[in-house]
């Protein structure tokens, strides 16, 4: 049963996989917990639902423009402490990355991707007929700055893209490494900070010092707005102007923008939940580190990157039999030992306890 990483996989494909697992192991669909997606599983749904109800009541559906998009940008500006001239909003972080890539590169230009990373970046590059140049992470999953700079020189690449905190390795790259990269090259460096609220720092306040630094952030992960997603990027005003000249910002659905504004006007409850999650993450890490056969890596995200002592296939099936789906890898992900690694998204204590119990039982069954 394939569990290949694919951002392009549709909800129908995920539902099909759930159905296959349920039938194979005689489970009901509501017994399945999908921990493979990196989504937010710890923000109480009721918290977002209350916001949505208020938003719907505030919108006159006959009004084509029920929200002032400039005030939407001002709210983000106030929250992160950058000028609105450096902000460009979007529906998702992937949409923004694709637009930046489309705006700043031309067909047959080179683009540098780190390996492993999100498959969607390769998809964007291929769709725009860019030449993909991959540079592997170091053995400790940090950026190989020297190799990246060499690749820029030899390939004449026009852009670099990577996630930090990183998917799938869960670590946030060293800030000094990223800033060194920004200093040593003048090509655009597009950094996906979707998981940054779980990490140690953000680079949004460094953008004013580097014309080539482009930071993309989202409200879909830490803030729990998956189905009501909104995102934004921080970049030099010249880049933002190029984007505004090419694309409309009014395409963001009003319900998405209003939900984001409400969160940013009173973010404290969400910040408390994120801080509580980080404590819960450490608890689960400590429990898993006690289990024989697993190596649990440092995490600056809402998921864990874990290495099993053998091929993950049997452990994956054991977890599926207990209704737990994790993310595994195949040869397309181009890192050593990919067949032993998996990613698990953490949630609230109830979800996490079910996962810990399932993996304990699965390891015992395979011992």
Protein backbone atom coordinates (compact mmCIF):
# COMPACT_ATOMS: atom_id res chain seq x y z
CA UNK A 1 0.00 0.00 0.00
CA UNK A 2 1.69 3.21 -1.14
CA UNK A 3 2.11 6.08 1.30
CA UNK A 4 4.25 8.35 -0.89
CA UNK A 5 4.40 12.04 0.05
CA UNK A 6 2.20 13.99 -2.33
CA UNK A 7 0.87 17.47 -1.69
CA UNK A 8 -1.12 17.11 -4.91
CA UNK A 9 -3.00 14.09 -3.59
CA UNK A 10 -6.67 14.95 -3.43
CA UNK A 11 -9.06 14.48 -0.55
CA UNK A 12 -10.66 11.70 -2.61
CA UNK A 13 -7.35 9.83 -2.73
CA UNK A 14 -6.91 10.18 1.03
CA UNK A 15 -10.45 8.94 1.59
CA UNK A 16 -9.76 5.99 -0.67
CA UNK A 17 -6.66 5.12 1.34
CA UNK A 18 -8.68 5.31 4.57
CA UNK A 19 -11.31 3.02 3.06
CA UNK A 20 -8.67 0.50 1.94
CA UNK A 21 -7.11 0.38 5.40
CA UNK A 22 -10.50 0.07 7.08
CA UNK A 23 -11.47 -2.84 4.85
CA UNK A 24 -8.08 -4.56 5.15
CA UNK A 25 -8.07 -4.48 8.95
CA UNK A 26 -11.81 -4.66 9.63
CA UNK A 27 -12.00 -1.15 11.04
CA UNK A 28 -14.64 1.55 10.79
CA UNK A 29 -13.64 4.86 9.22
CA UNK A 30 -14.07 6.69 12.51
CA UNK A 31 -11.46 4.38 14.07
CA UNK A 32 -8.79 5.70 11.69
CA UNK A 33 -6.54 8.57 12.77
CA UNK A 34 -4.52 10.04 9.91
CA UNK A 35 -1.27 11.42 11.33
CA UNK A 36 0.47 11.72 7.96
CA UNK A 37 -0.62 15.16 6.80
CA UNK A 38 1.13 17.67 9.09
CA UNK A 39 -2.20 19.36 9.81
CA UNK A 40 -3.18 21.04 13.07
CA UNK A 41 -4.75 18.44 15.37
CA UNK A 42 -4.53 20.28 18.70
CA UNK A 43 -6.50 23.54 18.24
CA UNK A 44 -10.07 22.74 19.42
CA UNK A 45 -12.42 22.89 16.40
CA UNK A 46 -14.96 24.80 18.50
CA UNK A 47 -12.53 27.71 18.82
CA UNK A 48 -12.39 28.19 15.05
CA UNK A 49 -16.10 27.43 14.62
CA UNK A 50 -17.01 30.28 16.97
CA UNK A 51 -14.96 32.67 14.83
CA UNK A 52 -16.57 31.42 11.64
CA UNK A 53 -20.09 31.88 13.01
CA UNK A 54 -19.26 35.49 13.91
CA UNK A 55 -17.74 36.04 10.47
CA UNK A 56 -20.74 34.68 8.59
CA UNK A 57 -23.09 36.90 10.56
CA UNK A 58 -20.95 39.94 9.74
CA UNK A 59 -21.02 39.37 5.96
CA UNK A 60 -23.75 40.59 3.64
CA UNK A 61 -23.60 37.89 0.90
CA UNK A 62 -24.85 40.43 -1.66
CA UNK A 63 -21.72 42.53 -1.16
CA UNK A 64 -18.92 41.70 -3.61
CA UNK A 65 -16.27 43.24 -1.34
CA UNK A 66 -17.36 42.71 2.28
CA UNK A 67 -13.85 43.20 3.66
CA UNK A 68 -11.30 45.99 3.45
CA UNK A 69 -8.18 44.16 2.25
CA UNK A 70 -5.92 47.02 3.28
CA UNK A 71 -7.06 46.65 6.90
CA UNK A 72 -6.41 42.91 6.54
CA UNK A 73 -2.81 43.68 5.56
CA UNK A 74 -2.52 46.24 8.37
CA UNK A 75 -3.52 43.58 10.90
CA UNK A 76 -0.76 41.24 9.65
CA UNK A 77 1.69 44.18 9.55
CA UNK A 78 0.97 45.05 13.17
CA UNK A 79 1.25 41.42 14.27
CA UNK A 80 4.68 40.67 12.75
CA UNK A 81 6.12 44.19 12.84
CA UNK A 82 6.84 44.89 9.16
CA UNK A 83 5.59 47.59 6.79
CA UNK A 84 2.57 46.81 4.60
CA UNK A 85 4.68 47.66 1.55
CA UNK A 86 6.66 44.48 2.29
CA UNK A 87 3.55 42.27 2.57
CA UNK A 88 1.67 40.31 -0.07
CA UNK A 89 -1.24 38.06 0.99
CA UNK A 90 -2.49 34.85 -0.56
CA UNK A 91 -4.79 31.92 0.00
CA UNK A 92 -2.08 29.33 0.76
CA UNK A 93 1.69 29.28 1.20
CA UNK A 94 1.98 26.99 -1.84
CA UNK A 95 0.12 29.50 -3.98
CA UNK A 96 2.46 32.28 -2.90
CA UNK A 97 5.59 30.23 -3.56
CA UNK A 98 4.34 29.35 -7.03
CA UNK A 99 3.58 33.00 -7.78
CA UNK A 100 6.99 34.20 -6.62
CA UNK A 101 8.68 31.52 -8.70
CA UNK A 102 6.60 32.43 -11.74
CA UNK A 103 7.29 36.15 -11.29
CA UNK A 104 11.03 35.95 -10.69
CA UNK A 105 12.09 33.19 -13.10
CA UNK A 106 11.75 32.34 -16.78
CA UNK A 107 11.47 29.03 -18.62
CA UNK A 108 14.75 27.07 -18.62
CA UNK A 109 16.17 29.03 -15.67
CA UNK A 110 17.69 26.94 -12.92
CA UNK A 111 16.22 26.60 -9.42
CA UNK A 112 17.93 25.05 -6.40
CA UNK A 113 15.98 22.71 -4.12
CA UNK A 114 17.32 20.95 -1.06
CA UNK A 115 16.83 17.22 -0.68
CA UNK A 116 14.69 15.96 0.91
CA UNK A 117 11.96 18.60 0.94
CA UNK A 118 8.34 19.04 -0.14
CA UNK A 119 7.54 17.38 -3.48
CA UNK A 120 5.39 20.35 -4.44
CA UNK A 121 8.46 22.51 -5.15
CA UNK A 122 9.61 20.12 -7.86
CA UNK A 123 6.08 20.12 -9.23
CA UNK A 124 6.09 23.92 -9.47
CA UNK A 125 9.51 23.96 -11.12
CA UNK A 126 8.55 21.33 -13.68
CA UNK A 127 5.30 23.10 -14.53
CA UNK A 128 7.28 26.27 -15.26
CA UNK A 129 9.91 24.31 -17.22
CA UNK A 130 12.71 25.24 -14.85
CA UNK A 131 15.89 23.23 -14.53
CA UNK A 132 15.97 21.59 -11.10
CA UNK A 133 19.30 21.41 -9.24
CA UNK A 134 19.13 19.51 -5.94
CA UNK A 135 21.56 19.83 -3.04
CA UNK A 136 21.37 17.25 -0.24
CA UNK A 137 21.22 18.24 3.39
CA UNK A 138 24.21 17.42 5.58
CA UNK A 139 24.13 14.26 7.71
CA UNK A 140 22.75 16.29 10.63
CA UNK A 141 19.98 17.61 8.34
CA UNK A 142 21.41 21.13 8.24
CA UNK A 143 21.94 23.17 5.07
CA UNK A 144 25.10 22.45 3.11
CA UNK A 145 25.94 26.10 2.48
CA UNK A 146 29.16 25.45 0.55
CA UNK A 147 27.48 23.00 -1.83
CA UNK A 148 24.56 25.38 -2.41
CA UNK A 149 26.90 28.26 -3.24
CA UNK A 150 28.90 26.00 -5.58
CA UNK A 151 25.67 24.92 -7.29
CA UNK A 152 24.62 28.55 -7.77
CA UNK A 153 27.96 29.27 -9.39
CA UNK A 154 28.01 26.28 -11.73
CA UNK A 155 24.32 26.17 -12.68
CA UNK A 156 23.57 29.93 -12.80
CA UNK A 157 20.42 29.21 -10.80
CA UNK A 158 17.92 32.05 -10.43
CA UNK A 159 16.22 31.05 -7.15
CA UNK A 160 16.46 28.81 -4.07
CA UNK A 161 13.48 27.29 -2.22
CA UNK A 162 13.37 25.38 1.07
CA UNK A 163 11.29 24.95 4.22
CA UNK A 164 12.52 26.04 7.65
CA UNK A 165 11.42 24.60 10.04
CA UNK A 166 12.03 21.81 7.58
CA UNK A 167 9.76 19.17 6.12
CA UNK A 168 10.24 16.27 6.61
CA UNK A 169 13.22 16.38 9.01
CA UNK A 170 11.37 18.65 11.53
CA UNK A 171 14.40 20.80 12.41
CA UNK A 172 14.73 24.55 11.94
CA UNK A 173 17.92 25.35 10.05
CA UNK A 174 20.60 27.39 11.81
CA UNK A 175 19.74 31.07 11.45
CA UNK A 176 23.39 31.95 10.84
CA UNK A 177 23.54 29.52 7.90
CA UNK A 178 20.50 31.04 6.22
CA UNK A 179 21.79 34.58 6.69
CA UNK A 180 25.20 33.56 5.35
CA UNK A 181 23.47 32.21 2.26
CA UNK A 182 21.57 35.49 1.86
CA UNK A 183 24.80 37.49 2.17
CA UNK A 184 26.82 35.35 -0.23
CA UNK A 185 24.38 35.35 -3.15
CA UNK A 186 21.99 37.84 -4.73
CA UNK A 187 19.46 35.38 -6.17
CA UNK A 188 16.02 35.11 -4.48
CA UNK A 189 15.94 32.83 -1.44
CA UNK A 190 12.35 31.68 -0.88
CA UNK A 191 11.86 30.24 2.61
CA UNK A 192 8.64 28.47 3.57
CA UNK A 193 8.06 29.19 7.28
CA UNK A 194 4.73 27.34 7.52
CA UNK A 195 5.76 25.72 10.81
CA UNK A 196 7.70 28.66 12.27
CA UNK A 197 5.43 29.18 15.30
CA UNK A 198 6.75 25.85 16.64
CA UNK A 199 10.37 26.89 16.06
CA UNK A 200 12.88 29.22 17.69
CA UNK A 201 12.95 32.23 15.35
CA UNK A 202 11.48 33.81 12.22
CA UNK A 203 13.38 35.66 9.52
CA UNK A 204 10.64 38.19 8.72
CA UNK A 205 12.56 40.96 10.47
CA UNK A 206 15.68 40.20 8.41
CA UNK A 207 13.97 40.94 5.10
CA UNK A 208 14.65 44.67 5.39
CA UNK A 209 18.39 43.91 5.35
CA UNK A 210 18.32 41.53 2.34
CA UNK A 211 16.65 42.33 -0.97
CA UNK A 212 16.84 38.64 -1.97
CA UNK A 213 15.14 37.19 1.12
CA UNK A 214 11.48 36.14 0.70
CA UNK A 215 9.66 34.65 3.69
CA UNK A 216 6.34 32.82 3.26
CA UNK A 217 4.10 32.15 6.26
CA UNK A 218 0.69 30.57 6.75
CA UNK A 219 -2.18 30.37 9.21
CA UNK A 220 -2.98 26.78 8.26
CA UNK A 221 -0.61 24.95 10.64
CA UNK A 222 -0.10 26.45 14.09
CA UNK A 223 -3.27 28.56 13.95
CA UNK A 224 -5.64 25.80 12.85
CA UNK A 225 -7.12 27.52 9.78
CA UNK A 226 -6.63 24.58 7.41
CA UNK A 227 -9.94 24.77 5.57
CA UNK A 228 -10.06 28.56 6.05
CA UNK A 229 -6.46 29.03 5.02
CA UNK A 230 -4.77 32.34 4.42
CA UNK A 231 -1.10 33.13 3.99
CA UNK A 232 1.30 35.97 3.32
CA UNK A 233 4.84 36.63 2.25
CA UNK A 234 7.35 39.23 3.42
CA UNK A 235 9.75 40.55 0.78
CA UNK A 236 11.46 43.65 -0.53
CA UNK A 237 8.80 46.20 -1.63
CA UNK A 238 10.01 45.94 -5.24
CA UNK A 239 9.16 42.23 -5.29
CA UNK A 240 5.80 42.87 -3.61
CA UNK A 241 4.98 45.50 -6.25
CA UNK A 242 5.79 43.02 -9.02
CA UNK A 243 3.38 40.53 -7.49
CA UNK A 244 0.62 43.12 -7.04
CA UNK A 245 1.05 44.24 -10.65
CA UNK A 246 0.53 40.65 -11.80
CA UNK A 247 -2.03 39.18 -9.38
CA UNK A 248 -5.11 40.41 -7.52
CA UNK A 249 -5.22 40.14 -3.73
CA UNK A 250 -9.02 40.43 -3.60
CA UNK A 251 -9.33 36.75 -4.53
CA UNK A 252 -8.91 35.72 -0.88
CA UNK A 253 -12.39 34.66 0.30
CA UNK A 254 -13.77 37.17 2.83
CA UNK A 255 -14.47 34.41 5.37
CA UNK A 256 -10.77 33.46 5.29
CA UNK A 257 -9.57 37.04 5.71
CA UNK A 258 -12.02 37.79 8.52
CA UNK A 259 -11.09 34.63 10.44
CA UNK A 260 -7.44 35.60 10.20
CA UNK A 261 -8.18 39.16 11.39
CA UNK A 262 -10.10 37.87 14.40
CA UNK A 263 -7.21 35.63 15.41
CA UNK A 264 -4.66 38.42 15.07
CA UNK A 265 -6.78 40.85 17.08
CA UNK A 266 -6.72 38.45 20.04
CA UNK A 267 -3.95 35.91 19.44
CA UNK A 268 -3.24 35.14 23.09
CA UNK A 269 -5.48 32.08 23.39
CA UNK A 270 -3.86 30.58 20.29
CA UNK A 271 -0.36 31.39 21.52
CA UNK A 272 -1.18 29.64 24.81
CA UNK A 273 -2.35 26.56 22.90
CA UNK A 274 0.81 26.54 20.78
CA UNK A 275 2.99 26.81 23.90
CA UNK A 276 1.01 24.00 25.53
CA UNK A 277 1.48 21.90 22.40
CA UNK A 278 5.25 22.37 22.56
CA UNK A 279 5.20 21.01 26.12
CA UNK A 280 3.06 18.08 24.96
CA UNK A 281 5.46 17.45 22.07
CA UNK A 282 8.36 17.07 24.50
CA UNK A 283 6.33 14.65 26.61
CA UNK A 284 5.68 12.41 23.61
CA UNK A 285 9.30 12.66 22.46
CA UNK A 286 10.52 11.60 25.90
CA UNK A 287 8.18 8.61 25.89
CA UNK A 288 9.22 7.50 22.42
CA UNK A 289 12.93 7.86 23.20
CA UNK A 290 12.50 5.16 25.84
CA UNK A 291 11.36 2.62 23.23
CA UNK A 292 13.91 0.24 21.76
CA UNK A 293 14.30 0.38 18.00
CA UNK A 294 13.37 4.05 17.48
CA UNK A 295 15.49 7.18 17.08
CA UNK A 296 13.47 10.36 17.58
CA UNK A 297 15.00 13.53 16.15
CA UNK A 298 14.72 17.09 17.45
CA UNK A 299 11.50 18.74 16.34
CA UNK A 300 10.73 22.42 15.73
CA UNK A 301 7.37 21.57 14.13
CA UNK A 302 4.07 19.88 14.99
CA UNK A 303 5.37 16.52 13.73
CA UNK A 304 8.17 14.13 14.62
CA UNK A 305 10.79 12.66 12.28
CA UNK A 306 11.60 9.14 13.47
CA UNK A 307 13.99 6.39 12.36
CA UNK A 308 13.11 2.72 12.90
CA UNK A 309 15.86 0.12 13.25
CA UNK A 310 14.61 -1.80 10.19
CA UNK A 311 12.58 -1.23 7.02
CA UNK A 312 9.46 0.68 8.06
CA UNK A 313 7.04 -1.44 5.99
CA UNK A 314 6.03 -3.92 8.70
CA UNK A 315 5.78 -1.25 11.40
CA UNK A 316 3.66 0.88 9.08
CA UNK A 317 1.26 -2.02 8.52
CA UNK A 318 1.10 -2.77 12.24
CA UNK A 319 0.13 0.84 12.94
CA UNK A 320 -2.46 0.77 10.15
CA UNK A 321 -4.01 -2.33 11.72
CA UNK A 322 -4.58 -0.20 14.83
CA UNK A 323 -6.07 2.67 12.82
CA UNK A 324 -2.97 4.89 12.86
CA UNK A 325 -1.59 6.24 9.56
CA UNK A 326 1.90 7.75 9.48
CA UNK A 327 3.94 9.17 6.60
CA UNK A 328 6.60 6.96 5.03
CA UNK A 329 9.04 7.55 2.18
CA UNK A 330 10.27 5.90 -1.00
CA UNK A 331 13.29 6.11 -3.29
CA UNK A 332 12.12 9.39 -4.86
CA UNK A 333 12.97 11.25 -1.65
CA UNK A 334 16.71 10.86 -2.18
CA UNK A 335 18.10 10.60 1.33
CA UNK A 336 20.05 7.77 2.92
CA UNK A 337 17.97 5.20 4.76
CA UNK A 338 14.64 6.60 3.56
CA UNK A 339 13.05 3.16 3.99
CA UNK A 340 13.60 3.35 7.77
CA UNK A 341 12.10 6.79 8.40
CA UNK A 342 8.58 7.99 9.07
CA UNK A 343 6.81 11.20 10.09
CA UNK A 344 3.97 11.38 12.61
CA UNK A 345 1.85 14.49 13.19
CA UNK A 346 1.12 15.16 16.84
CA UNK A 347 -2.18 16.43 18.19
CA UNK A 348 -3.80 16.81 21.58
CA UNK A 349 -2.96 14.46 24.47
CA UNK A 350 -5.76 12.03 23.55
CA UNK A 351 -4.52 11.59 19.99
CA UNK A 352 -0.90 11.38 21.11
CA UNK A 353 -1.67 8.75 23.74
CA UNK A 354 -3.41 6.60 21.13
CA UNK A 355 -0.37 6.85 18.88
CA UNK A 356 2.10 6.03 21.68
CA UNK A 357 0.04 3.01 22.75
CA UNK A 358 -0.26 1.84 19.12
CA UNK A 359 3.48 2.06 18.49
CA UNK A 360 4.32 0.30 21.77
CA UNK A 361 1.99 -2.56 20.82
CA UNK A 362 3.33 -2.60 17.26
CA UNK A 363 6.95 -2.80 18.38
CA UNK A 364 6.11 -5.59 20.79
CA UNK A 365 4.36 -7.53 18.01
CA UNK A 366 7.46 -7.21 15.79
CA UNK A 367 10.02 -8.06 18.48
